[in-house]
C-alpha atoms as a PDB file:
ATOM      1  CA  UNK A   1     -68.704 -60.512 115.345  1.00  0.00           C
ATOM      2  CA  UNK A   2     -65.876 -63.126 116.116  1.00  0.00           C
ATOM      3  CA  UNK A   3     -63.060 -61.836 117.542  1.00  0.00           C
ATOM      4  CA  UNK A   4     -61.075 -62.053 114.142  1.00  0.00           C
ATOM      5  CA  UNK A   5     -59.486 -58.940 112.278  1.00  0.00           C
ATOM      6  CA  UNK A   6     -59.925 -58.154 109.012  1.00  0.00           C
ATOM      7  CA  UNK A   7     -57.540 -57.297 106.789  1.00  0.00           C
ATOM      8  CA  UNK A   8     -57.608 -53.648 105.256  1.00  0.00           C
ATOM      9  CA  UNK A   9     -55.613 -53.922 102.029  1.00  0.00           C
ATOM     10  CA  UNK A  10     -52.322 -52.608 101.781  1.00  0.00           C
ATOM     11  CA  UNK A  11     -51.554 -52.699 105.018  1.00  0.00           C
ATOM     12  CA  UNK A  12     -50.910 -56.817 105.268  1.00  0.00           C
ATOM     13  CA  UNK A  13     -49.607 -56.910 101.461  1.00  0.00           C
ATOM     14  CA  UNK A  14     -46.748 -54.910 103.566  1.00  0.00           C
ATOM     15  CA  UNK A  15     -46.677 -56.926 106.967  1.00  0.00           C
ATOM     16  CA  UNK A  16     -46.649 -60.198 104.959  1.00  0.00           C
ATOM     17  CA  UNK A  17     -43.749 -58.640 102.394  1.00  0.00           C
ATOM     18  CA  UNK A  18     -41.641 -57.419 105.681  1.00  0.00           C
ATOM     19  CA  UNK A  19     -42.299 -61.174 106.529  1.00  0.00           C
ATOM     20  CA  UNK A  20     -40.689 -62.448 103.909  1.00  0.00           C
ATOM     21  CA  UNK A  21     -38.038 -60.567 103.318  1.00  0.00           C
ATOM     22  CA  UNK A  22     -36.933 -60.976 107.045  1.00  0.00           C
ATOM     23  CA  UNK A  23     -37.255 -64.939 106.449  1.00  0.00           C
ATOM     24  CA  UNK A  24     -35.518 -64.841 103.003  1.00  0.00           C
ATOM     25  CA  UNK A  25     -32.266 -62.676 105.254  1.00  0.00           C
ATOM     26  CA  UNK A  26     -32.219 -65.314 107.933  1.00  0.00           C
ATOM     27  CA  UNK A  27     -31.775 -67.852 105.623  1.00  0.00           C
ATOM     28  CA  UNK A  28     -28.776 -66.199 104.119  1.00  0.00           C
ATOM     29  CA  UNK A  29     -25.353 -67.273 106.224  1.00  0.00           C
ATOM     30  CA  UNK A  30     -23.027 -63.734 107.035  1.00  0.00           C
ATOM     31  CA  UNK A  31     -21.020 -64.333 103.500  1.00  0.00           C
ATOM     32  CA  UNK A  32     -24.465 -63.934 101.654  1.00  0.00           C
ATOM     33  CA  UNK A  33     -25.540 -61.387 103.298  1.00  0.00           C
ATOM     34  CA  UNK A  34     -22.176 -59.426 102.924  1.00  0.00           C
ATOM     35  CA  UNK A  35     -22.379 -59.751  99.225  1.00  0.00           C
ATOM     36  CA  UNK A  36     -26.272 -58.405  99.067  1.00  0.00           C
ATOM     37  CA  UNK A  37     -25.370 -56.124 101.030  1.00  0.00           C
ATOM     38  CA  UNK A  38     -22.782 -55.226  98.726  1.00  0.00           C
ATOM     39  CA  UNK A  39     -24.703 -55.405  95.582  1.00  0.00           C
ATOM     40  CA  UNK A  40     -27.512 -53.641  96.872  1.00  0.00           C
ATOM     41  CA  UNK A  41     -25.404 -50.613  98.002  1.00  0.00           C
ATOM     42  CA  UNK A  42     -23.761 -50.531  94.077  1.00  0.00           C
ATOM     43  CA  UNK A  43     -27.126 -50.497  92.847  1.00  0.00           C
ATOM     44  CA  UNK A  44     -28.598 -47.430  95.133  1.00  0.00           C
ATOM     45  CA  UNK A  45     -25.010 -45.872  94.245  1.00  0.00           C
ATOM     46  CA  UNK A  46     -25.914 -46.983  90.027  1.00  0.00           C
ATOM     47  CA  UNK A  47     -29.251 -45.798  90.464  1.00  0.00           C
ATOM     48  CA  UNK A  48     -27.891 -42.133  91.852  1.00  0.00           C
ATOM     49  CA  UNK A  49     -25.223 -41.481  89.232  1.00  0.00           C
ATOM     50  CA  UNK A  50     -27.899 -42.559  86.625  1.00  0.00           C
ATOM     51  CA  UNK A  51     -30.564 -40.715  87.881  1.00  0.00           C
ATOM     52  CA  UNK A  52     -28.900 -37.397  89.592  1.00  0.00           C
ATOM     53  CA  UNK A  53     -25.077 -37.051  88.634  1.00  0.00           C
ATOM     54  CA  UNK A  54     -24.632 -37.793  85.484  1.00  0.00           C
ATOM     55  CA  UNK A  55     -27.666 -35.620  83.555  1.00  0.00           C
ATOM     56  CA  UNK A  56     -26.239 -32.621  85.834  1.00  0.00           C
ATOM     57  CA  UNK A  57     -22.794 -33.571  84.329  1.00  0.00           C
ATOM     58  CA  UNK A  58     -23.974 -34.104  80.620  1.00  0.00           C
ATOM     59  CA  UNK A  59     -25.616 -30.460  80.859  1.00  0.00           C
ATOM     60  CA  UNK A  60     -23.078 -28.659  82.455  1.00  0.00           C
ATOM     61  CA  UNK A  61     -20.811 -29.899  79.121  1.00  0.00           C
ATOM     62  CA  UNK A  62     -23.474 -29.216  76.647  1.00  0.00           C
ATOM     63  CA  UNK A  63     -23.926 -25.428  78.169  1.00  0.00           C
ATOM     64  CA  UNK A  64     -20.287 -24.890  78.121  1.00  0.00           C
ATOM     65  CA  UNK A  65     -20.905 -26.422  74.575  1.00  0.00           C
ATOM     66  CA  UNK A  66     -23.162 -23.831  74.090  1.00  0.00           C
ATOM     67  CA  UNK A  67     -21.845 -20.911  75.448  1.00  0.00           C
ATOM     68  CA  UNK A  68     -19.947 -19.207  72.931  1.00  0.00           C
ATOM     69  CA  UNK A  69     -22.777 -19.342  70.072  1.00  0.00           C
ATOM     70  CA  UNK A  70     -24.932 -17.839  72.476  1.00  0.00           C
ATOM     71  CA  UNK A  71     -22.727 -14.666  73.736  1.00  0.00           C
ATOM     72  CA  UNK A  72     -22.140 -14.733  69.495  1.00  0.00           C
ATOM     73  CA  UNK A  73     -25.645 -14.418  69.150  1.00  0.00           C
ATOM     74  CA  UNK A  74     -26.172 -12.103  72.118  1.00  0.00           C
ATOM     75  CA  UNK A  75     -23.971  -9.570  70.262  1.00  0.00           C
ATOM     76  CA  UNK A  76     -25.279 -10.177  66.840  1.00  0.00           C
ATOM     77  CA  UNK A  77     -28.733  -9.125  68.690  1.00  0.00           C
ATOM     78  CA  UNK A  78     -27.193  -6.064  70.219  1.00  0.00           C
ATOM     79  CA  UNK A  79     -25.611  -4.905  66.896  1.00  0.00           C
ATOM     80  CA  UNK A  80     -28.776  -5.292  65.017  1.00  0.00           C
ATOM     81  CA  UNK A  81     -30.736  -3.592  68.297  1.00  0.00           C
ATOM     82  CA  UNK A  82     -28.184  -0.407  67.719  1.00  0.00           C
ATOM     83  CA  UNK A  83     -28.911  -0.300  64.167  1.00  0.00           C
ATOM     84  CA  UNK A  84     -32.353  -0.388  64.131  1.00  0.00           C
ATOM     85  CA  UNK A  85     -32.134   2.494  67.099  1.00  0.00           C
ATOM     86  CA  UNK A  86     -29.925   4.367  64.726  1.00  0.00           C
ATOM     87  CA  UNK A  87     -32.018   3.751  61.849  1.00  0.00           C
ATOM     88  CA  UNK A  88     -35.781   4.734  63.376  1.00  0.00           C
ATOM     89  CA  UNK A  89     -33.773   8.460  63.975  1.00  0.00           C
ATOM     90  CA  UNK A  90     -33.480   9.270  60.712  1.00  0.00           C
ATOM     91  CA  UNK A  91     -36.652  10.740  58.242  1.00  0.00           C
ATOM     92  CA  UNK A  92     -38.471   8.573  56.188  1.00  0.00           C
ATOM     93  CA  UNK A  93     -37.680   8.611  53.230  1.00  0.00           C
ATOM     94  CA  UNK A  94     -40.545  11.594  51.479  1.00  0.00           C
ATOM     95  CA  UNK A  95     -42.468  10.454  48.159  1.00  0.00           C
ATOM     96  CA  UNK A  96     -43.126  12.474  46.048  1.00  0.00           C
ATOM     97  CA  UNK A  97     -47.117  13.491  45.794  1.00  0.00           C
ATOM     98  CA  UNK A  98     -49.266  11.895  43.675  1.00  0.00           C
ATOM     99  CA  UNK A  99     -50.157  13.245  40.189  1.00  0.00           C
ATOM    100  CA  UNK A 100     -52.208  12.134  37.353  1.00  0.00           C
ATOM    101  CA  UNK A 101     -49.121  11.100  35.549  1.00  0.00           C
ATOM    102  CA  UNK A 102     -47.703   9.155  38.405  1.00  0.00           C
ATOM    103  CA  UNK A 103     -50.673   7.105  38.488  1.00  0.00           C
ATOM    104  CA  UNK A 104     -51.063   6.570  35.103  1.00  0.00           C
ATOM    105  CA  UNK A 105     -47.636   5.574  34.926  1.00  0.00           C
ATOM    106  CA  UNK A 106     -48.098   2.922  37.611  1.00  0.00           C
ATOM    107  CA  UNK A 107     -50.831   1.792  35.756  1.00  0.00           C
ATOM    108  CA  UNK A 108     -49.064   1.582  32.153  1.00  0.00           C
ATOM    109  CA  UNK A 109     -45.947  -0.571  34.324  1.00  0.00           C
ATOM    110  CA  UNK A 110     -48.560  -3.927  35.059  1.00  0.00           C
ATOM    111  CA  UNK A 111     -50.523  -3.470  31.620  1.00  0.00           C
ATOM    112  CA  UNK A 112     -53.006  -1.460  32.817  1.00  0.00           C
ATOM    113  CA  UNK A 113     -55.011   1.471  30.897  1.00  0.00           C
ATOM    114  CA  UNK A 114     -57.636   3.919  32.647  1.00  0.00           C
ATOM    115  CA  UNK A 115     -60.684   4.404  31.337  1.00  0.00           C
ATOM    116  CA  UNK A 116     -60.244   7.888  33.892  1.00  0.00           C
ATOM    117  CA  UNK A 117     -57.961   9.438  36.349  1.00  0.00           C
ATOM    118  CA  UNK A 118     -59.654  12.272  37.336  1.00  0.00           C
ATOM    119  CA  UNK A 119     -57.260  14.224  40.717  1.00  0.00           C
ATOM    120  CA  UNK A 120     -59.277  16.372  43.788  1.00  0.00           C
ATOM    121  CA  UNK A 121     -57.192  17.480  46.560  1.00  0.00           C
ATOM    122  CA  UNK A 122     -55.560  14.572  47.997  1.00  0.00           C
ATOM    123  CA  UNK A 123     -57.579  12.104  46.283  1.00  0.00           C
ATOM    124  CA  UNK A 124     -57.466  10.143  42.667  1.00  0.00           C
ATOM    125  CA  UNK A 125     -60.541   8.544  41.296  1.00  0.00           C
ATOM    126  CA  UNK A 126     -59.126   5.575  39.491  1.00  0.00           C
ATOM    127  CA  UNK A 127     -61.759   3.720  36.530  1.00  0.00           C
ATOM    128  CA  UNK A 128     -60.822   0.432  35.362  1.00  0.00           C
ATOM    129  CA  UNK A 129     -63.131  -1.601  31.993  1.00  0.00           C
ATOM    130  CA  UNK A 130     -62.237  -4.669  31.346  1.00  0.00           C
ATOM    131  CA  UNK A 131     -58.846  -5.185  33.318  1.00  0.00           C
ATOM    132  CA  UNK A 132     -56.908  -8.014  34.544  1.00  0.00           C
ATOM    133  CA  UNK A 133     -57.615  -8.595  38.157  1.00  0.00           C
ATOM    134  CA  UNK A 134     -54.432  -9.616  38.875  1.00  0.00           C
ATOM    135  CA  UNK A 135     -52.792  -6.629  37.301  1.00  0.00           C
ATOM    136  CA  UNK A 136     -54.876  -4.680  39.543  1.00  0.00           C
ATOM    137  CA  UNK A 137     -53.680  -6.521  42.776  1.00  0.00           C
ATOM    138  CA  UNK A 138     -50.002  -6.274  41.692  1.00  0.00           C
ATOM    139  CA  UNK A 139     -50.470  -2.483  40.679  1.00  0.00           C
ATOM    140  CA  UNK A 140     -52.433  -1.637  44.288  1.00  0.00           C
ATOM    141  CA  UNK A 141     -50.159  -2.906  46.251  1.00  0.00           C
ATOM    142  CA  UNK A 142     -46.828  -1.459  44.370  1.00  0.00           C
ATOM    143  CA  UNK A 143     -48.694   1.815  44.785  1.00  0.00           C
ATOM    144  CA  UNK A 144     -49.033   1.115  48.552  1.00  0.00           C
ATOM    145  CA  UNK A 145     -45.421   0.610  48.912  1.00  0.00           C
ATOM    146  CA  UNK A 146     -43.571   2.535  46.988  1.00  0.00           C
ATOM    147  CA  UNK A 147     -46.018   6.075  46.367  1.00  0.00           C
ATOM    148  CA  UNK A 148     -47.963   5.103  50.136  1.00  0.00           C
ATOM    149  CA  UNK A 149     -51.701   5.166  48.104  1.00  0.00           C
ATOM    150  CA  UNK A 150     -54.264   3.835  50.205  1.00  0.00           C
ATOM    151  CA  UNK A 151     -57.909   2.260  48.813  1.00  0.00           C
ATOM    152  CA  UNK A 152     -60.247   3.987  50.270  1.00  0.00           C
ATOM    153  CA  UNK A 153     -63.128   3.188  48.380  1.00  0.00           C
ATOM    154  CA  UNK A 154     -63.342  -0.015  45.752  1.00  0.00           C
ATOM    155  CA  UNK A 155     -66.003  -0.739  43.158  1.00  0.00           C
ATOM    156  CA  UNK A 156     -64.934  -4.263  41.311  1.00  0.00           C
ATOM    157  CA  UNK A 157     -67.270  -6.364  39.254  1.00  0.00           C
ATOM    158  CA  UNK A 158     -66.497  -9.470  37.623  1.00  0.00           C
ATOM    159  CA  UNK A 159     -66.834 -10.129  34.103  1.00  0.00           C
ATOM    160  CA  UNK A 160     -67.975 -13.081  32.444  1.00  0.00           C
ATOM    161  CA  UNK A 161     -64.287 -13.242  31.000  1.00  0.00           C
ATOM    162  CA  UNK A 162     -61.937 -15.201  33.671  1.00  0.00           C
ATOM    163  CA  UNK A 163     -59.969 -12.909  35.714  1.00  0.00           C
ATOM    164  CA  UNK A 164     -61.054  -9.594  34.340  1.00  0.00           C
ATOM    165  CA  UNK A 165     -63.366  -6.722  36.222  1.00  0.00           C
ATOM    166  CA  UNK A 166     -64.510  -3.520  35.751  1.00  0.00           C
ATOM    167  CA  UNK A 167     -63.083  -1.297  39.098  1.00  0.00           C
ATOM    168  CA  UNK A 168     -64.009   2.195  40.579  1.00  0.00           C
ATOM    169  CA  UNK A 169     -60.936   3.182  42.786  1.00  0.00           C
ATOM    170  CA  UNK A 170     -60.506   5.839  44.907  1.00  0.00           C
ATOM    171  CA  UNK A 171     -57.022   6.132  46.268  1.00  0.00           C
ATOM    172  CA  UNK A 172     -55.517   9.033  48.990  1.00  0.00           C
ATOM    173  CA  UNK A 173     -51.849   9.202  49.639  1.00  0.00           C
ATOM    174  CA  UNK A 174     -50.736   8.482  53.122  1.00  0.00           C
ATOM    175  CA  UNK A 175     -48.598  12.086  54.439  1.00  0.00           C
ATOM    176  CA  UNK A 176     -44.852  11.298  55.726  1.00  0.00           C
ATOM    177  CA  UNK A 177     -44.614  12.347  59.442  1.00  0.00           C
END
């Protein structure tokens, strides 16, 4: 080691910057220093306003604009919640019990004709041959929604004709609670 000190990165750069700034400042006369100081204060105040004060003020204005709409939405939601609570207290609409005639009528509304409909207690076994798959699905959807029929077992076989199937379906009506 020869006694010279080695620099350690950023410390030297910061020190050189301070020296350059001090030299720049020393070369200015009093009037220039005053003008530069005033400009620096204006820049700092402008940055404080742009970064802190203006966003807070504009956010407050926006919140004041949105407040009536938000209050109206809260009132609407409270009214809907009260309506839902009132409706939940009412008894569910009862559906008539499943009969062979009601199953056949539902099939006929969808253009389907059952090979057979066999009732056994709470169950109905429906056999369809050469039925439209789309109409079958529509009928099952309607039966589930209107008569609370659930498919317990289904065997569906596609036929060579597009969209046509043979189906054996076992249905059960869900009881009202």
